[in-house]
Amino acid sequence: MSKFDWDDGNREKCARRVPLHEIEALIDDSRTVIAGDPYEGETRFRAIGRDSEGRPLLVVFTMREKNGGLYVRPISLALATDIGARTHEETVPEIR
């Protein structure tokens, strides 16, 4: 199980759309597709999978060192259907 770095900024922004435990479950799920993100300021990743209701979800995150450990810091998210993935919904993996 990953450790997550939630602060006031990313917690509020992400929780407006999806419960935080859904984001954590998506990133930890072995069926989630994780790929690089072309952001130039820091190394970022995209996690694409489904929430517990079966909705396609995309989460952009980075890895941060904190208190001697490595933490997942979600940056932003979108329901994948909001970003044009509806035509590819059948290829988004299911999560528990």
PDB file of N, CA and C in Angstrom:
ATOM      1  N   MET A   1       0.838  -1.172   0.000  1.00  0.00           N
ATOM      2  CA  MET A   1       0.000   0.000   0.000  1.00  0.00           C
ATOM      3  C   MET A   1       0.886   1.240   0.000  1.00  0.00           C
ATOM      4  N   SER A   2       0.586   2.172  -0.875  1.00  0.00           N
ATOM      5  CA  SER A   2       1.343   3.412  -0.982  1.00  0.00           C
ATOM      6  C   SER A   2       1.009   4.357   0.157  1.00  0.00           C
ATOM      7  N   LYS A   3       1.970   5.234   0.447  1.00  0.00           N
ATOM      8  CA  LYS A   3       1.723   6.333   1.378  1.00  0.00           C
ATOM      9  C   LYS A   3       1.376   7.556   0.533  1.00  0.00           C
ATOM     10  N   PHE A   4       0.412   8.343   0.986  1.00  0.00           N
ATOM     11  CA  PHE A   4      -0.055   9.491   0.215  1.00  0.00           C
ATOM     12  C   PHE A   4       0.237  10.785   0.944  1.00  0.00           C
ATOM     13  N   ASP A   5       0.569  11.804   0.161  1.00  0.00           N
ATOM     14  CA  ASP A   5       0.850  13.142   0.666  1.00  0.00           C
ATOM     15  C   ASP A   5      -0.327  14.040   0.303  1.00  0.00           C
ATOM     16  N   TRP A   6      -1.238  14.196   1.256  1.00  0.00           N
ATOM     17  CA  TRP A   6      -2.398  15.076   1.063  1.00  0.00           C
ATOM     18  C   TRP A   6      -2.157  16.363   1.845  1.00  0.00           C
ATOM     19  N   ASP A   7      -2.276  17.499   1.172  1.00  0.00           N
ATOM     20  CA  ASP A   7      -2.233  18.777   1.879  1.00  0.00           C
ATOM     21  C   ASP A   7      -3.523  19.522   1.550  1.00  0.00           C
ATOM     22  N   ASP A   8      -3.692  20.710   2.126  1.00  0.00           N
ATOM     23  CA  ASP A   8      -4.940  21.440   1.914  1.00  0.00           C
ATOM     24  C   ASP A   8      -5.225  21.698   0.439  1.00  0.00           C
ATOM     25  N   GLY A   9      -4.196  21.978  -0.342  1.00  0.00           N
ATOM     26  CA  GLY A   9      -4.391  22.271  -1.761  1.00  0.00           C
ATOM     27  C   GLY A   9      -4.881  21.084  -2.570  1.00  0.00           C
ATOM     28  N   ASN A  10      -4.148  19.976  -2.532  1.00  0.00           N
ATOM     29  CA  ASN A  10      -4.558  18.852  -3.372  1.00  0.00           C
ATOM     30  C   ASN A  10      -5.739  18.090  -2.767  1.00  0.00           C
ATOM     31  N   ARG A  11      -5.880  18.090  -1.456  1.00  0.00           N
ATOM     32  CA  ARG A  11      -7.007  17.400  -0.815  1.00  0.00           C
ATOM     33  C   ARG A  11      -8.335  18.002  -1.267  1.00  0.00           C
ATOM     34  N   GLU A  12      -8.470  19.316  -1.141  1.00  0.00           N
ATOM     35  CA  GLU A  12      -9.731  19.980  -1.498  1.00  0.00           C
ATOM     36  C   GLU A  12     -10.024  19.871  -2.987  1.00  0.00           C
ATOM     37  N   LYS A  13      -9.006  20.112  -3.805  1.00  0.00           N
ATOM     38  CA  LYS A  13      -9.189  20.085  -5.256  1.00  0.00           C
ATOM     39  C   LYS A  13      -9.641  18.700  -5.729  1.00  0.00           C
ATOM     40  N   CYS A  14      -8.988  17.666  -5.251  1.00  0.00           N
ATOM     41  CA  CYS A  14      -9.318  16.307  -5.691  1.00  0.00           C
ATOM     42  C   CYS A  14     -10.647  15.828  -5.107  1.00  0.00           C
ATOM     43  N   ALA A  15     -10.899  16.130  -3.830  1.00  0.00           N
ATOM     44  CA  ALA A  15     -12.099  15.623  -3.153  1.00  0.00           C
ATOM     45  C   ALA A  15     -13.383  16.229  -3.707  1.00  0.00           C
ATOM     46  N   ARG A  16     -13.292  17.341  -4.426  1.00  0.00           N
ATOM     47  CA  ARG A  16     -14.503  17.909  -5.039  1.00  0.00           C
ATOM     48  C   ARG A  16     -15.120  16.965  -6.064  1.00  0.00           C
ATOM     49  N   ARG A  17     -14.322  16.129  -6.680  1.00  0.00           N
ATOM     50  CA  ARG A  17     -14.796  15.246  -7.744  1.00  0.00           C
ATOM     51  C   ARG A  17     -14.931  13.793  -7.326  1.00  0.00           C
ATOM     52  N   VAL A  18     -13.983  13.336  -6.511  1.00  0.00           N
ATOM     53  CA  VAL A  18     -13.912  11.907  -6.171  1.00  0.00           C
ATOM     54  C   VAL A  18     -13.438  11.778  -4.728  1.00  0.00           C
ATOM     55  N   PRO A  19     -14.025  10.872  -3.933  1.00  0.00           N
ATOM     56  CA  PRO A  19     -13.533  10.665  -2.565  1.00  0.00           C
ATOM     57  C   PRO A  19     -12.050  10.262  -2.575  1.00  0.00           C
ATOM     58  N   LEU A  20     -11.299  10.765  -1.607  1.00  0.00           N
ATOM     59  CA  LEU A  20      -9.856  10.516  -1.575  1.00  0.00           C
ATOM     60  C   LEU A  20      -9.522   9.037  -1.526  1.00  0.00           C
ATOM     61  N   HIS A  21     -10.323   8.233  -0.816  1.00  0.00           N
ATOM     62  CA  HIS A  21     -10.022   6.797  -0.749  1.00  0.00           C
ATOM     63  C   HIS A  21     -10.140   6.132  -2.125  1.00  0.00           C
ATOM     64  N   GLU A  22     -10.970   6.695  -3.015  1.00  0.00           N
ATOM     65  CA  GLU A  22     -11.089   6.150  -4.378  1.00  0.00           C
ATOM     66  C   GLU A  22      -9.813   6.421  -5.177  1.00  0.00           C
ATOM     67  N   ILE A  23      -9.226   7.605  -4.976  1.00  0.00           N
ATOM     68  CA  ILE A  23      -7.977   7.951  -5.655  1.00  0.00           C
ATOM     69  C   ILE A  23      -6.856   7.039  -5.173  1.00  0.00           C
ATOM     70  N   GLU A  24      -6.786   6.839  -3.867  1.00  0.00           N
ATOM     71  CA  GLU A  24      -5.756   5.966  -3.307  1.00  0.00           C
ATOM     72  C   GLU A  24      -5.920   4.534  -3.802  1.00  0.00           C
ATOM     73  N   ALA A  25      -7.150   4.037  -3.847  1.00  0.00           N
ATOM     74  CA  ALA A  25      -7.402   2.673  -4.318  1.00  0.00           C
ATOM     75  C   ALA A  25      -7.016   2.523  -5.785  1.00  0.00           C
ATOM     76  N   LEU A  26      -7.307   3.533  -6.592  1.00  0.00           N
ATOM     77  CA  LEU A  26      -6.980   3.475  -8.013  1.00  0.00           C
ATOM     78  C   LEU A  26      -5.469   3.386  -8.218  1.00  0.00           C
ATOM     79  N   ILE A  27      -4.708   4.219  -7.512  1.00  0.00           N
ATOM     80  CA  ILE A  27      -3.259   4.216  -7.692  1.00  0.00           C
ATOM     81  C   ILE A  27      -2.646   2.908  -7.190  1.00  0.00           C
ATOM     82  N   ASP A  28      -3.193   2.317  -6.140  1.00  0.00           N
ATOM     83  CA  ASP A  28      -2.656   1.063  -5.602  1.00  0.00           C
ATOM     84  C   ASP A  28      -3.121  -0.182  -6.346  1.00  0.00           C
ATOM     85  N   ASP A  29      -4.124  -0.062  -7.198  1.00  0.00           N
ATOM     86  CA  ASP A  29      -4.671  -1.237  -7.880  1.00  0.00           C
ATOM     87  C   ASP A  29      -3.723  -1.708  -8.988  1.00  0.00           C
ATOM     88  N   SER A  30      -3.414  -2.982  -8.995  1.00  0.00           N
ATOM     89  CA  SER A  30      -2.482  -3.536  -9.987  1.00  0.00           C
ATOM     90  C   SER A  30      -3.026  -3.469 -11.414  1.00  0.00           C
ATOM     91  N   ARG A  31      -4.328  -3.289 -11.578  1.00  0.00           N
ATOM     92  CA  ARG A  31      -4.902  -3.202 -12.927  1.00  0.00           C
ATOM     93  C   ARG A  31      -4.870  -1.792 -13.490  1.00  0.00           C
ATOM     94  N   THR A  32      -4.513  -0.819 -12.686  1.00  0.00           N
ATOM     95  CA  THR A  32      -4.437   0.562 -13.143  1.00  0.00           C
ATOM     96  C   THR A  32      -3.253   0.728 -14.082  1.00  0.00           C
ATOM     97  N   VAL A  33      -3.481   1.419 -15.180  1.00  0.00           N
ATOM     98  CA  VAL A  33      -2.421   1.716 -16.143  1.00  0.00           C
ATOM     99  C   VAL A  33      -1.729   2.995 -15.686  1.00  0.00           C
ATOM    100  N   ILE A  34      -0.397   2.926 -15.514  1.00  0.00           N
ATOM    101  CA  ILE A  34       0.372   4.094 -15.104  1.00  0.00           C
ATOM    102  C   ILE A  34       1.403   4.383 -16.182  1.00  0.00           C
ATOM    103  N   ALA A  35       1.424   5.641 -16.624  1.00  0.00           N
ATOM    104  CA  ALA A  35       2.341   6.064 -17.682  1.00  0.00           C
ATOM    105  C   ALA A  35       2.922   7.422 -17.306  1.00  0.00           C
ATOM    106  N   GLY A  36       3.987   7.807 -17.990  1.00  0.00           N
ATOM    107  CA  GLY A  36       4.580   9.117 -17.764  1.00  0.00           C
ATOM    108  C   GLY A  36       3.649  10.224 -18.221  1.00  0.00           C
ATOM    109  N   ASP A  37       3.849  11.402 -17.668  1.00  0.00           N
ATOM    110  CA  ASP A  37       3.081  12.587 -18.037  1.00  0.00           C
ATOM    111  C   ASP A  37       4.085  13.596 -18.589  1.00  0.00           C
ATOM    112  N   PRO A  38       3.768  14.277 -19.690  1.00  0.00           N
ATOM    113  CA  PRO A  38       4.752  15.146 -20.343  1.00  0.00           C
ATOM    114  C   PRO A  38       4.965  16.516 -19.688  1.00  0.00           C
ATOM    115  N   TYR A  39       4.771  16.633 -18.399  1.00  0.00           N
ATOM    116  CA  TYR A  39       4.982  17.890 -17.691  1.00  0.00           C
ATOM    117  C   TYR A  39       6.480  18.160 -17.583  1.00  0.00           C
ATOM    118  N   GLU A  40       6.914  19.399 -17.797  1.00  0.00           N
ATOM    119  CA  GLU A  40       8.347  19.693 -17.820  1.00  0.00           C
ATOM    120  C   GLU A  40       8.934  20.109 -16.473  1.00  0.00           C
ATOM    121  N   GLY A  41       8.124  20.507 -15.502  1.00  0.00           N
ATOM    122  CA  GLY A  41       8.644  21.020 -14.248  1.00  0.00           C
ATOM    123  C   GLY A  41       9.122  19.969 -13.262  1.00  0.00           C
ATOM    124  N   GLU A  42       8.535  18.782 -13.277  1.00  0.00           N
ATOM    125  CA  GLU A  42       8.904  17.686 -12.381  1.00  0.00           C
ATOM    126  C   GLU A  42       8.437  16.384 -13.019  1.00  0.00           C
ATOM    127  N   THR A  43       8.916  15.275 -12.504  1.00  0.00           N
ATOM    128  CA  THR A  43       8.483  13.982 -13.025  1.00  0.00           C
ATOM    129  C   THR A  43       7.069  13.706 -12.533  1.00  0.00           C
ATOM    130  N   ARG A  44       6.152  13.527 -13.475  1.00  0.00           N
ATOM    131  CA  ARG A  44       4.754  13.238 -13.138  1.00  0.00           C
ATOM    132  C   ARG A  44       4.299  11.994 -13.873  1.00  0.00           C
ATOM    133  N   PHE A  45       3.229  11.417 -13.351  1.00  0.00           N
ATOM    134  CA  PHE A  45       2.669  10.197 -13.919  1.00  0.00           C
ATOM    135  C   PHE A  45       1.162  10.353 -14.078  1.00  0.00           C
ATOM    136  N   ARG A  46       0.595   9.542 -14.944  1.00  0.00           N
ATOM    137  CA  ARG A  46      -0.853   9.458 -15.129  1.00  0.00           C
ATOM    138  C   ARG A  46      -1.289   8.049 -14.743  1.00  0.00           C
ATOM    139  N   ALA A  47      -2.301   7.975 -13.909  1.00  0.00           N
ATOM    140  CA  ALA A  47      -2.902   6.687 -13.539  1.00  0.00           C
ATOM    141  C   ALA A  47      -4.297   6.663 -14.137  1.00  0.00           C
ATOM    142  N   ILE A  48      -4.584   5.634 -14.912  1.00  0.00           N
ATOM    143  CA  ILE A  48      -5.887   5.512 -15.560  1.00  0.00           C
ATOM    144  C   ILE A  48      -6.508   4.193 -15.129  1.00  0.00           C
ATOM    145  N   GLY A  49      -7.695   4.279 -14.576  1.00  0.00           N
ATOM    146  CA  GLY A  49      -8.398   3.088 -14.121  1.00  0.00           C
ATOM    147  C   GLY A  49      -9.859   3.418 -13.883  1.00  0.00           C
ATOM    148  N   ARG A  50     -10.482   2.689 -12.968  1.00  0.00           N
ATOM    149  CA  ARG A  50     -11.898   2.902 -12.658  1.00  0.00           C
ATOM    150  C   ARG A  50     -12.088   3.048 -11.157  1.00  0.00           C
ATOM    151  N   ASP A  51     -13.063   3.874 -10.786  1.00  0.00           N
ATOM    152  CA  ASP A  51     -13.396   3.972  -9.369  1.00  0.00           C
ATOM    153  C   ASP A  51     -14.319   2.817  -9.000  1.00  0.00           C
ATOM    154  N   SER A  52     -14.754   2.760  -7.754  1.00  0.00           N
ATOM    155  CA  SER A  52     -15.560   1.621  -7.299  1.00  0.00           C
ATOM    156  C   SER A  52     -16.939   1.569  -7.958  1.00  0.00           C
ATOM    157  N   GLU A  53     -17.374   2.671  -8.568  1.00  0.00           N
ATOM    158  CA  GLU A  53     -18.648   2.685  -9.292  1.00  0.00           C
ATOM    159  C   GLU A  53     -18.468   2.359 -10.764  1.00  0.00           C
ATOM    160  N   GLY A  54     -17.227   2.082 -11.162  1.00  0.00           N
ATOM    161  CA  GLY A  54     -16.954   1.721 -12.546  1.00  0.00           C
ATOM    162  C   GLY A  54     -16.688   2.893 -13.465  1.00  0.00           C
ATOM    163  N   ARG A  55     -16.634   4.109 -12.924  1.00  0.00           N
ATOM    164  CA  ARG A  55     -16.374   5.281 -13.767  1.00  0.00           C
ATOM    165  C   ARG A  55     -14.891   5.354 -14.103  1.00  0.00           C
ATOM    166  N   PRO A  56     -14.569   5.604 -15.378  1.00  0.00           N
ATOM    167  CA  PRO A  56     -13.165   5.779 -15.749  1.00  0.00           C
ATOM    168  C   PRO A  56     -12.601   7.022 -15.071  1.00  0.00           C
ATOM    169  N   LEU A  57     -11.379   6.911 -14.569  1.00  0.00           N
ATOM    170  CA  LEU A  57     -10.776   7.991 -13.808  1.00  0.00           C
ATOM    171  C   LEU A  57      -9.312   8.142 -14.206  1.00  0.00           C
ATOM    172  N   LEU A  58      -8.858   9.393 -14.345  1.00  0.00           N
ATOM    173  CA  LEU A  58      -7.472   9.700 -14.631  1.00  0.00           C
ATOM    174  C   LEU A  58      -6.937  10.564 -13.498  1.00  0.00           C
ATOM    175  N   VAL A  59      -5.814  10.156 -12.917  1.00  0.00           N
ATOM    176  CA  VAL A  59      -5.183  10.902 -11.829  1.00  0.00           C
ATOM    177  C   VAL A  59      -3.756  11.227 -12.244  1.00  0.00           C
ATOM    178  N   VAL A  60      -3.387  12.499 -12.158  1.00  0.00           N
ATOM    179  CA  VAL A  60      -2.005  12.913 -12.374  1.00  0.00           C
ATOM    180  C   VAL A  60      -1.360  13.030 -11.004  1.00  0.00           C
ATOM    181  N   PHE A  61      -0.171  12.426 -10.847  1.00  0.00           N
ATOM    182  CA  PHE A  61       0.498  12.462  -9.554  1.00  0.00           C
ATOM    183  C   PHE A  61       2.002  12.520  -9.733  1.00  0.00           C
ATOM    184  N   THR A  62       2.689  12.850  -8.659  1.00  0.00           N
ATOM    185  CA  THR A  62       4.140  12.823  -8.621  1.00  0.00           C
ATOM    186  C   THR A  62       4.552  12.060  -7.364  1.00  0.00           C
ATOM    187  N   MET A  63       5.816  11.752  -7.262  1.00  0.00           N
ATOM    188  CA  MET A  63       6.352  11.094  -6.080  1.00  0.00           C
ATOM    189  C   MET A  63       7.204  12.104  -5.334  1.00  0.00           C
ATOM    190  N   ARG A  64       7.007  12.206  -4.021  1.00  0.00           N
ATOM    191  CA  ARG A  64       7.749  13.167  -3.213  1.00  0.00           C
ATOM    192  C   ARG A  64       8.389  12.461  -2.023  1.00  0.00           C
ATOM    193  N   GLU A  65       9.619  12.869  -1.709  1.00  0.00           N
ATOM    194  CA  GLU A  65      10.275  12.374  -0.497  1.00  0.00           C
ATOM    195  C   GLU A  65       9.824  13.244   0.663  1.00  0.00           C
ATOM    196  N   LYS A  66       9.449  12.587   1.758  1.00  0.00           N
ATOM    197  CA  LYS A  66       8.948  13.301   2.928  1.00  0.00           C
ATOM    198  C   LYS A  66       9.187  12.428   4.150  1.00  0.00           C
ATOM    199  N   ASN A  67       9.735  13.000   5.193  1.00  0.00           N
ATOM    200  CA  ASN A  67       9.977  12.271   6.451  1.00  0.00           C
ATOM    201  C   ASN A  67      10.713  10.954   6.222  1.00  0.00           C
ATOM    202  N   GLY A  68      11.656  10.955   5.316  1.00  0.00           N
ATOM    203  CA  GLY A  68      12.454   9.766   5.055  1.00  0.00           C
ATOM    204  C   GLY A  68      11.765   8.698   4.218  1.00  0.00           C
ATOM    205  N   GLY A  69      10.571   8.979   3.709  1.00  0.00           N
ATOM    206  CA  GLY A  69       9.858   8.005   2.884  1.00  0.00           C
ATOM    207  C   GLY A  69       9.439   8.596   1.547  1.00  0.00           C
ATOM    208  N   LEU A  70       8.950   7.758   0.685  1.00  0.00           N
ATOM    209  CA  LEU A  70       8.479   8.175  -0.629  1.00  0.00           C
ATOM    210  C   LEU A  70       6.957   8.161  -0.619  1.00  0.00           C
ATOM    211  N   TYR A  71       6.361   9.277  -1.000  1.00  0.00           N
ATOM    212  CA  TYR A  71       4.911   9.452  -0.952  1.00  0.00           C
ATOM    213  C   TYR A  71       4.353   9.772  -2.326  1.00  0.00           C
ATOM    214  N   VAL A  72       3.141   9.283  -2.590  1.00  0.00           N
ATOM    215  CA  VAL A  72       2.386   9.639  -3.796  1.00  0.00           C
ATOM    216  C   VAL A  72       1.681  10.956  -3.499  1.00  0.00           C
ATOM    217  N   ARG A  73       1.877  11.947  -4.360  1.00  0.00           N
ATOM    218  CA  ARG A  73       1.175  13.218  -4.195  1.00  0.00           C
ATOM    219  C   ARG A  73       0.284  13.450  -5.407  1.00  0.00           C
ATOM    220  N   PRO A  74      -1.010  13.129  -5.277  1.00  0.00           N
ATOM    221  CA  PRO A  74      -1.936  13.413  -6.370  1.00  0.00           C
ATOM    222  C   PRO A  74      -1.966  14.922  -6.645  1.00  0.00           C
ATOM    223  N   ILE A  75      -1.983  15.275  -7.909  1.00  0.00           N
ATOM    224  CA  ILE A  75      -1.971  16.679  -8.309  1.00  0.00           C
ATOM    225  C   ILE A  75      -3.332  17.094  -8.847  1.00  0.00           C
ATOM    226  N   SER A  76      -3.869  16.292  -9.731  1.00  0.00           N
ATOM    227  CA  SER A  76      -5.177  16.609 -10.291  1.00  0.00           C
ATOM    228  C   SER A  76      -5.835  15.325 -10.771  1.00  0.00           C
ATOM    229  N   LEU A  77      -7.125  15.422 -11.051  1.00  0.00           N
ATOM    230  CA  LEU A  77      -7.829  14.259 -11.555  1.00  0.00           C
ATOM    231  C   LEU A  77      -8.988  14.698 -12.430  1.00  0.00           C
ATOM    232  N   ALA A  78      -9.456  13.754 -13.205  1.00  0.00           N
ATOM    233  CA  ALA A  78     -10.632  13.979 -14.040  1.00  0.00           C
ATOM    234  C   ALA A  78     -11.324  12.656 -14.232  1.00  0.00           C
ATOM    235  N   LEU A  79     -12.635  12.720 -14.296  1.00  0.00           N
ATOM    236  CA  LEU A  79     -13.349  11.540 -14.769  1.00  0.00           C
ATOM    237  C   LEU A  79     -12.947  11.401 -16.220  1.00  0.00           C
ATOM    238  N   ALA A  80     -12.498  10.234 -16.605  1.00  0.00           N
ATOM    239  CA  ALA A  80     -11.947  10.067 -17.945  1.00  0.00           C
ATOM    240  C   ALA A  80     -12.949  10.433 -19.033  1.00  0.00           C
ATOM    241  N   THR A  81     -14.231  10.281 -18.750  1.00  0.00           N
ATOM    242  CA  THR A  81     -15.224  10.658 -19.760  1.00  0.00           C
ATOM    243  C   THR A  81     -15.214  12.162 -20.003  1.00  0.00           C
ATOM    244  N   ASP A  82     -14.746  12.938 -19.022  1.00  0.00           N
ATOM    245  CA  ASP A  82     -14.642  14.388 -19.186  1.00  0.00           C
ATOM    246  C   ASP A  82     -13.546  14.774 -20.160  1.00  0.00           C
ATOM    247  N   ILE A  83     -12.587  13.883 -20.382  1.00  0.00           N
ATOM    248  CA  ILE A  83     -11.454  14.223 -21.236  1.00  0.00           C
ATOM    249  C   ILE A  83     -11.436  13.406 -22.521  1.00  0.00           C
ATOM    250  N   GLY A  84     -12.573  12.890 -22.915  1.00  0.00           N
ATOM    251  CA  GLY A  84     -12.676  12.219 -24.202  1.00  0.00           C
ATOM    252  C   GLY A  84     -12.415  10.736 -24.194  1.00  0.00           C
ATOM    253  N   ALA A  85     -12.333  10.108 -23.040  1.00  0.00           N
ATOM    254  CA  ALA A  85     -12.050   8.670 -22.990  1.00  0.00           C
ATOM    255  C   ALA A  85     -13.310   7.837 -23.163  1.00  0.00           C
ATOM    256  N   ARG A  86     -14.460   8.460 -23.267  1.00  0.00           N
ATOM    257  CA  ARG A  86     -15.710   7.701 -23.367  1.00  0.00           C
ATOM    258  C   ARG A  86     -15.661   6.678 -24.498  1.00  0.00           C
ATOM    259  N   THR A  87     -15.046   7.030 -25.625  1.00  0.00           N
ATOM    260  CA  THR A  87     -14.985   6.098 -26.741  1.00  0.00           C
ATOM    261  C   THR A  87     -14.083   4.908 -26.450  1.00  0.00           C
ATOM    262  N   HIS A  88     -13.265   5.002 -25.409  1.00  0.00           N
ATOM    263  CA  HIS A  88     -12.350   3.918 -25.060  1.00  0.00           C
ATOM    264  C   HIS A  88     -12.659   3.321 -23.694  1.00  0.00           C
ATOM    265  N   GLU A  89     -13.854   3.566 -23.166  1.00  0.00           N
ATOM    266  CA  GLU A  89     -14.197   3.099 -21.821  1.00  0.00           C
ATOM    267  C   GLU A  89     -13.964   1.622 -21.630  1.00  0.00           C
ATOM    268  N   GLU A  90     -14.205   0.826 -22.653  1.00  0.00           N
ATOM    269  CA  GLU A  90     -14.069  -0.613 -22.486  1.00  0.00           C
ATOM    270  C   GLU A  90     -12.620  -1.026 -22.258  1.00  0.00           C
ATOM    271  N   THR A  91     -11.633  -0.153 -22.542  1.00  0.00           N
ATOM    272  CA  THR A  91     -10.233  -0.504 -22.333  1.00  0.00           C
ATOM    273  C   THR A  91      -9.713  -0.064 -20.976  1.00  0.00           C
ATOM    274  N   VAL A  92     -10.519   0.673 -20.216  1.00  0.00           N
ATOM    275  CA  VAL A  92     -10.090   1.123 -18.891  1.00  0.00           C
ATOM    276  C   VAL A  92     -10.317  -0.022 -17.911  1.00  0.00           C
ATOM    277  N   PRO A  93      -9.280  -0.433 -17.165  1.00  0.00           N
ATOM    278  CA  PRO A  93      -9.433  -1.589 -16.267  1.00  0.00           C
ATOM    279  C   PRO A  93     -10.405  -1.352 -15.133  1.00  0.00           C
ATOM    280  N   GLU A  94     -11.023  -2.420 -14.669  1.00  0.00           N
ATOM    281  CA  GLU A  94     -11.917  -2.368 -13.506  1.00  0.00           C
ATOM    282  C   GLU A  94     -11.086  -2.374 -12.233  1.00  0.00           C
ATOM    283  N   ILE A  95     -11.593  -1.746 -11.163  1.00  0.00           N
ATOM    284  CA  ILE A  95     -10.941  -1.879  -9.863  1.00  0.00           C
ATOM    285  C   ILE A  95     -11.922  -2.487  -8.892  1.00  0.00           C
ATOM    286  N   ARG A  96     -11.431  -2.920  -7.748  1.00  0.00           N
ATOM    287  CA  ARG A  96     -12.268  -3.573  -6.745  1.00  0.00           C
ATOM    288  C   ARG A  96     -13.393  -2.695  -6.263  1.00  0.00           C
TER     289      ARG A  96
END
